[in-house]
Protein backbone atom coordinates (compact mmCIF):
# COMPACT_ATOMS: atom_id res chain seq x y z
CA MET A 1 97.32 130.72 104.49
CA GLU A 2 98.87 128.62 101.27
CA ASN A 3 96.82 127.96 98.13
CA LYS A 4 98.72 126.68 95.57
CA TYR A 5 98.02 126.30 91.85
CA LYS A 6 99.20 124.85 88.85
CA LEU A 7 102.18 126.83 86.75
CA ARG A 8 100.79 127.66 83.57
CA SER A 9 103.48 129.80 82.03
CA GLN A 10 104.98 127.11 79.11
CA HIS A 11 101.35 126.16 78.38
CA THR A 12 101.22 130.15 77.65
CA ILE A 13 104.10 130.62 75.61
CA GLY A 14 102.98 127.35 73.89
CA LEU A 15 99.59 129.28 72.92
CA VAL A 16 101.34 132.55 71.87
CA ARG A 17 103.59 130.39 69.71
CA ASN A 18 100.96 128.67 67.71
CA LEU A 19 99.00 131.52 67.09
CA LEU A 20 102.00 132.91 65.45
CA GLN A 21 102.85 129.95 63.40
CA GLN A 22 99.56 130.69 62.19
CA GLY A 23 99.97 134.06 60.84
CA VAL A 24 98.95 135.89 64.13
CA ASP A 25 100.68 139.09 64.43
CA ARG A 26 98.65 141.05 67.38
CA ILE A 27 97.56 139.16 70.25
CA SER A 28 95.90 140.48 73.63
CA LEU A 29 96.58 138.11 76.70
CA ALA A 30 94.25 138.34 79.46
CA LEU A 31 97.55 136.68 81.98
CA ARG A 32 96.56 135.42 85.44
CA HIS A 33 99.36 137.04 88.00
CA SER A 34 101.84 134.46 88.94
CA ASP A 35 102.38 132.67 92.40
CA ARG A 36 101.97 134.68 95.44
CA HIS A 37 101.63 135.02 99.64
CA TYR A 38 98.14 134.93 100.92
CA SER A 39 96.45 136.66 104.15
CA ASP A 40 93.23 135.50 105.83
CA ASN A 41 92.64 138.67 106.42
CA PRO A 42 90.57 140.45 103.43
CA ARG A 43 91.37 143.87 104.24
CA LEU A 44 95.16 142.72 103.29
CA GLU A 45 94.16 140.96 99.89
CA PRO A 46 95.20 143.75 97.47
CA PHE A 47 98.32 144.10 99.01
CA MET A 48 99.60 140.41 98.79
CA GLY A 49 102.53 140.02 96.51
CA LEU A 50 104.29 137.72 94.87
CA ASN A 51 106.71 135.04 96.89
CA ASP A 52 110.07 134.18 95.67
CA SER A 53 109.16 131.44 93.55
CA GLY A 54 106.42 133.90 91.80
CA LYS A 55 108.79 136.52 90.99
CA ASP A 56 111.12 134.03 89.44
CA TYR A 57 108.29 132.74 87.34
CA ALA A 58 107.47 135.86 86.18
CA TYR A 59 110.78 136.53 84.81
CA ALA A 60 111.13 133.55 83.13
CA LEU A 61 107.92 133.81 81.39
CA GLY A 62 109.53 137.13 80.07
CA LYS A 63 112.62 135.47 78.79
CA SER A 64 110.93 132.70 77.11
CA PHE A 65 108.08 134.97 75.41
CA PRO A 66 109.11 134.79 71.70
CA LEU A 67 110.71 137.25 70.27
CA ASP A 68 108.41 137.98 67.37
CA LEU A 69 106.06 139.75 69.71
CA THR A 70 107.19 143.01 71.93
CA PRO A 71 105.31 143.15 75.08
CA VAL A 72 103.36 145.98 75.64
CA LEU A 73 102.12 145.63 79.56
CA PHE A 74 98.96 146.52 81.50
CA SER A 75 97.75 145.15 84.69
CA SER A 76 95.49 145.35 87.91
CA TYR A 77 96.30 148.20 90.76
CA PHE A 78 96.97 144.87 92.99
CA GLY A 79 100.71 144.40 93.88
CA ARG A 80 101.03 141.11 92.75
CA CYS A 81 99.73 142.05 89.32
CA ILE A 82 102.31 145.25 89.17
CA GLU A 83 105.11 142.95 90.34
CA THR A 84 104.20 140.08 87.58
CA ALA A 85 104.38 143.03 85.05
CA TYR A 86 107.49 144.56 86.07
CA LEU A 87 109.27 140.87 86.06
CA ILE A 88 107.77 139.92 82.47
CA ASP A 89 109.63 143.30 81.40
CA LYS A 90 112.81 142.51 82.83
CA GLY A 91 112.86 139.31 81.53
CA PHE A 92 112.37 140.33 78.58
CA THR A 93 114.65 143.09 78.21
CA SER A 94 117.27 141.00 79.92
CA VAL A 95 117.16 139.07 76.66
CA THR A 96 116.60 141.74 74.08
CA GLY A 97 118.14 144.68 75.04
CA LYS A 98 114.30 146.89 74.50
CA GLN A 99 113.12 148.85 76.59
CA LEU A 100 109.61 148.29 76.96
CA PRO A 101 107.05 150.97 78.09
CA HIS A 102 105.94 151.55 81.32
CA ASN A 103 103.07 149.22 82.62
CA THR A 104 99.48 150.89 82.50
CA LEU A 105 97.29 150.67 85.64
CA ASN A 106 93.48 149.94 84.58
CA ASN A 107 90.59 149.12 86.58
CA ILE A 108 89.15 146.54 84.59
CA LEU A 109 91.99 144.20 85.41
CA THR A 110 90.94 144.39 88.92
CA PRO A 111 88.33 142.80 90.93
CA PHE A 112 86.02 145.61 90.01
CA TYR A 113 83.17 143.46 90.16
CA VAL A 114 83.68 142.79 94.25
CA LYS A 115 81.40 145.28 95.86
CA ASP A 116 81.43 144.21 99.45
CA VAL A 117 84.53 142.39 99.94
CA VAL A 118 84.60 141.78 103.07
CA THR A 119 81.09 140.10 103.15
CA ALA A 120 81.97 138.19 99.69
CA LYS A 121 84.96 136.80 101.95
CA LYS A 122 82.80 135.79 104.71
CA MET A 123 80.52 134.11 102.05
CA MET A 124 83.86 132.42 100.58
CA ALA A 125 84.74 130.96 103.59
CA LYS A 126 81.52 129.42 104.44
CA THR A 127 80.83 128.00 101.16
CA GLY A 128 84.42 127.18 99.59
CA SER A 129 85.59 128.94 96.60
CA SER A 130 84.62 126.97 93.89
CA GLN A 131 80.80 127.02 95.44
CA PHE A 132 81.04 131.05 96.31
CA VAL A 133 82.14 131.35 92.18
CA ARG A 134 79.26 128.92 91.00
CA ASN A 135 76.66 130.95 93.07
CA TRP A 136 78.13 134.18 91.22
CA PHE A 137 77.54 132.64 88.07
CA ASP A 138 73.96 131.62 88.87
CA LYS A 139 73.19 135.14 89.90
CA ILE A 140 72.22 133.83 93.87
CA ILE A 141 75.10 136.25 94.73
CA ASP A 142 73.34 140.01 95.42
CA GLU A 143 74.66 142.67 93.28
CA SER A 144 75.49 144.56 96.57
CA ILE A 145 78.30 142.60 96.98
CA MET A 146 79.06 141.02 93.48
CA LEU A 147 78.17 142.69 89.94
CA ASP A 148 76.17 140.60 87.53
CA PRO A 149 78.89 138.08 86.36
CA ALA A 150 77.66 138.31 82.49
CA PHE A 151 78.06 142.14 82.76
CA THR A 152 81.87 141.50 84.46
CA ALA A 153 82.23 139.39 81.18
CA ASP A 154 81.36 141.90 78.57
CA ARG A 155 83.34 144.74 80.53
CA ILE A 156 86.79 142.70 80.66
CA THR A 157 86.07 141.38 77.18
CA ASN A 158 85.63 144.94 75.61
CA PHE A 159 88.41 146.17 77.14
CA MET A 160 90.94 142.79 75.62
CA VAL A 161 89.41 143.64 72.18
CA SER A 162 89.91 147.62 72.54
CA THR A 163 93.56 146.51 73.37
CA LEU A 164 93.89 143.96 70.86
CA LYS A 165 92.64 146.92 68.27
CA SER A 166 94.79 149.29 69.73
CA LEU A 167 98.29 147.35 69.03
CA SER A 168 100.64 147.58 65.85
CA PRO A 169 101.55 144.27 63.96
CA GLY A 170 104.38 142.81 66.10
CA GLN A 171 102.68 143.48 69.63
CA ALA A 172 101.52 141.45 72.30
CA ALA A 173 99.09 143.56 74.84
CA ILE A 174 100.36 141.34 78.32
CA CYS A 175 97.52 142.10 80.34
CA VAL A 176 97.89 140.94 84.10
CA THR A 177 94.73 140.02 85.92
CA HIS A 178 93.36 137.70 88.35
CA ASP A 179 91.87 134.39 88.19
CA TRP A 180 88.49 135.34 88.89
CA ASN A 181 88.15 137.82 86.03
CA ILE A 182 89.78 134.92 83.77
CA PHE A 183 86.93 132.56 85.20
CA SER A 184 84.21 134.81 84.01
CA ILE A 185 85.50 135.37 80.51
CA LYS A 186 85.87 131.75 80.20
CA GLN A 187 82.08 131.28 81.44
CA PHE A 188 80.53 134.04 79.79
CA THR A 189 82.05 135.11 76.65
CA LEU A 190 83.84 131.73 75.64
CA GLY A 191 81.06 129.44 76.86
CA PHE A 192 82.84 126.51 78.68
CA SER A 193 81.61 124.54 80.75
CA TYR A 194 81.91 125.39 84.70
CA GLU A 195 84.69 122.62 85.34
CA ASP A 196 86.35 124.11 82.87
CA THR A 197 85.78 127.53 83.69
CA LEU A 198 87.86 127.31 87.00
CA ASP A 199 91.10 125.92 85.55
CA ALA A 200 93.42 128.55 85.68
CA GLY A 201 96.88 128.24 87.13
CA TYR A 202 99.38 130.94 87.97
CA LEU A 203 100.32 132.64 84.47
CA ASP A 204 97.37 130.95 82.51
CA ALA A 205 95.94 133.13 79.85
CA VAL A 206 93.08 133.47 77.36
CA ALA A 207 94.17 134.95 73.98
CA PHE A 208 92.36 137.30 71.65
CA PHE A 209 93.49 137.77 68.24
CA GLU A 210 92.36 138.73 64.73
CA ARG A 211 91.94 136.60 61.69
CA ASP A 212 89.96 137.86 58.42
CA SER A 213 88.41 140.68 59.87
CA ARG A 214 86.85 138.61 62.83
CA ILE A 215 88.26 138.46 66.48
CA PHE A 216 88.61 135.13 68.27
CA ALA A 217 89.81 134.27 72.19
CA VAL A 218 91.07 130.87 72.61
CA ALA A 219 92.53 129.00 75.90
CA ARG A 220 95.06 126.50 76.68
CA GLN A 221 93.34 122.84 75.54
CA PHE A 222 90.54 124.33 73.61
CA ASP A 223 89.82 125.90 70.24
CA PRO A 224 89.06 129.16 69.40
CA VAL A 225 85.55 130.85 69.78
CA GLN A 226 84.71 133.85 67.40
CA ILE A 227 83.56 136.97 70.05
CA VAL A 228 83.11 139.73 67.14
């Protein structure tokens, strides 16, 4: 099964450059993984890696990442996220010669909120992905299948904020995660409309940053939202 999304890596680079131009010196990015293989078998979902295009895209993102920031890499345990982080690392290193710290795996970047994968996949196959996410956000789906979406967004947001606070000036946390993680941030942390929430292509991102002792989050084509 193939499911294609738009590549948003240049939008992400533009978002980071814009924040740098505003004087921001630390950024924490919730970044969707790159282009990937798909399977109809839900049990294989954690093992679906990047396709050849996705590998090229991730490497190119690393090569074009602004040199004013040094990446600190985090990722979901899923193979496609680990591959994305690895290739961003190698792309950045190919330009700068810097040896980056190893990628750190974190459960908050996984789909930890999916409690019953098989049932969730069956429901999504019946309703379609967009309607399934709407049902989740409307709290129609039982928490034995999907955790409360607002609780989910709070956990992810708290992780992104704590990661931001751990950075030194001149560092950028690149936290490679999944589209549904980004959807929940956009919906419940940033308060976007449902239609805008579901717009997250490959290598798309939400950026967390600090200004005047306040923490903001911003996504492509939207104004920053103060969250702390």
